[in-house]
Protein backbone atom coordinates (compact mmCIF):
# COMPACT_ATOMS: atom_id res chain seq x y z
CA MET A 1 0.29 -0.46 0.20
CA SER A 2 1.07 3.45 -0.98
CA ASP A 3 1.15 6.41 1.14
CA PHE A 4 -2.47 8.17 2.27
CA PRO A 5 -4.38 8.41 -1.42
CA PRO A 6 -5.44 12.43 -2.31
CA ILE A 7 -8.55 13.71 -2.29
CA ALA A 8 -9.67 12.58 -4.60
CA HIS A 9 -13.95 14.45 -4.55
CA VAL A 10 -16.53 16.11 -1.83
CA ALA A 11 -19.89 16.09 -2.28
CA LEU A 12 -21.72 18.80 -0.87
CA THR A 13 -25.56 18.43 -0.12
CA VAL A 14 -27.81 21.57 -1.69
CA SER A 15 -31.31 22.56 -1.03
CA ASP A 16 -32.42 24.09 -4.23
CA LEU A 17 -29.62 22.61 -7.54
CA ASP A 18 -30.87 25.85 -9.81
CA ARG A 19 -29.77 28.00 -7.83
CA SER A 20 -27.47 26.10 -6.95
CA ARG A 21 -25.38 24.99 -10.40
CA GLU A 22 -25.08 28.42 -11.79
CA TRP A 23 -23.21 29.85 -8.62
CA TYR A 24 -21.00 27.44 -8.46
CA GLY A 25 -20.62 27.30 -12.93
CA ARG A 26 -19.44 31.15 -12.16
CA LEU A 27 -17.87 30.96 -8.60
CA PHE A 28 -15.69 27.38 -11.31
CA GLY A 29 -15.89 30.33 -13.65
CA SER A 30 -16.34 26.37 -16.35
CA ALA A 31 -19.38 24.34 -16.73
CA PRO A 32 -19.38 21.15 -15.40
CA VAL A 33 -18.04 17.67 -16.36
CA LEU A 34 -21.37 16.28 -15.63
CA ASP A 35 -24.75 16.87 -14.69
CA GLU A 36 -27.00 13.98 -14.41
CA ASP A 37 -30.64 12.51 -11.48
CA THR A 38 -29.47 8.67 -11.04
CA GLY A 39 -32.89 8.85 -9.37
CA VAL A 40 -31.34 8.48 -5.45
CA TYR A 41 -29.96 12.13 -6.30
CA HIS A 42 -29.20 14.58 -9.02
CA HIS A 43 -25.39 16.08 -9.25
CA VAL A 44 -23.56 18.10 -10.70
CA VAL A 45 -19.61 17.95 -11.18
CA TRP A 46 -16.92 20.20 -12.05
CA LEU A 47 -13.10 18.85 -12.19
CA MET A 48 -10.57 20.91 -9.94
CA GLY A 49 -6.88 20.20 -10.32
CA ARG A 50 -7.76 16.91 -9.80
CA THR A 51 -9.76 16.77 -7.44
CA LEU A 52 -13.65 16.72 -8.72
CA VAL A 53 -16.39 18.96 -6.81
CA GLY A 54 -19.57 18.04 -6.31
CA ILE A 55 -23.28 19.42 -5.46
CA HIS A 56 -26.35 17.39 -5.03
CA LYS A 57 -29.29 18.17 -3.99
CA HIS A 58 -31.20 14.30 -2.61
CA PRO A 59 -35.52 14.15 -3.84
CA ARG A 60 -36.41 13.71 0.39
CA MET A 61 -34.23 15.95 2.39
CA ASP A 62 -34.23 15.47 6.21
CA SER A 63 -33.32 19.61 6.94
CA THR A 64 -33.29 22.72 4.37
CA GLU A 65 -31.95 24.58 7.69
CA ALA A 66 -28.89 26.21 6.22
CA PHE A 67 -25.38 24.72 7.02
CA SER A 68 -23.64 25.91 10.11
CA GLU A 69 -19.78 25.04 10.98
CA LEU A 70 -21.44 24.56 14.47
CA ARG A 71 -22.72 21.07 14.03
CA PRO A 72 -21.05 17.49 13.63
CA GLY A 73 -19.36 17.27 9.77
CA LEU A 74 -18.01 18.58 8.12
CA ASP A 75 -16.44 22.73 8.57
CA HIS A 76 -15.42 24.79 5.63
CA LEU A 77 -14.00 22.88 2.37
CA ALA A 78 -10.57 24.74 1.10
CA PHE A 79 -8.93 25.70 -1.61
CA GLY A 80 -5.24 25.87 -2.25
CA CYS A 81 -4.08 28.52 -3.77
CA ALA A 82 -0.20 28.69 -4.13
CA ASP A 83 0.56 32.08 -3.03
CA ARG A 84 -0.41 35.43 -2.03
CA ALA A 85 -0.30 36.96 -4.87
CA GLU A 86 -2.80 33.89 -5.93
CA LEU A 87 -5.61 34.54 -3.03
CA GLU A 88 -5.40 38.02 -4.10
CA ALA A 89 -6.74 37.92 -7.36
CA TRP A 90 -9.30 35.46 -5.64
CA LYS A 91 -10.44 38.16 -3.55
CA ALA A 92 -10.49 40.76 -5.98
CA ARG A 93 -12.29 37.77 -8.72
CA LEU A 94 -14.61 37.44 -5.81
CA ASP A 95 -15.42 40.89 -5.55
CA GLU A 96 -16.18 40.70 -9.34
CA LEU A 97 -18.35 37.55 -8.57
CA GLY A 98 -20.24 40.41 -5.72
CA ILE A 99 -20.02 37.29 -3.15
CA ALA A 100 -19.69 38.60 -0.41
CA ASN A 101 -16.47 37.13 1.70
CA GLY A 102 -14.48 38.16 5.18
CA GLY A 103 -11.26 39.90 3.71
CA ILE A 104 -8.08 38.04 2.96
CA VAL A 105 -6.95 36.96 6.52
CA ASP A 106 -2.87 35.99 8.00
CA ALA A 107 -2.29 33.68 10.10
CA PRO A 108 1.36 31.41 11.61
CA TYR A 109 -0.14 28.95 9.81
CA GLY A 110 -0.70 30.47 6.45
CA SER A 111 -3.56 33.42 4.89
CA GLY A 112 -6.84 32.46 4.12
CA LEU A 113 -10.13 34.25 2.19
CA SER A 114 -13.45 33.04 3.87
CA PHE A 115 -16.72 32.96 2.35
CA ARG A 116 -20.31 31.52 1.93
CA ASP A 117 -22.03 29.22 -0.49
CA PRO A 118 -25.80 30.14 -1.16
CA ASP A 119 -26.62 27.83 1.31
CA ASN A 120 -23.86 28.87 4.41
CA ILE A 121 -21.47 26.13 2.79
CA ALA A 122 -17.94 27.58 3.98
CA LEU A 123 -15.74 27.20 1.68
CA GLU A 124 -11.81 29.20 1.82
CA PHE A 125 -9.16 30.19 -0.07
CA PHE A 126 -5.72 29.14 1.39
CA SER A 127 -2.17 29.89 1.30
CA PRO A 128 0.71 29.19 3.05
CA PRO A 129 3.12 30.96 5.08
CA GLY A 130 5.76 32.68 3.10
CA ARG A 131 5.10 32.22 -0.22
């Protein structure tokens, strides 16, 4: 067995597939590579580097309450930036798209730019320290 494998995909459950498909499409700047209703759920998937990022809509939801990282489960999903310049470019892009964000926050372990999707799912762009 080799080293622990990288993350292959992430799937986020959304309350309104059409709204989220449009929002994530604008954020990613590309069309999805898959948009399929499996009968069990409908998923829309983008290829981001070597990782698939998907949104799922289940026909029967237990709750449509907005996401909160204060409940067990996902805290946030972070997208890696090579350096501070790339992080600043993403800040400008979020502003251009009208996506509210918390601005770039520096910490000893790196710099982050937090924002939320239409279901309040916490997302972040992150760059390592000193780059």
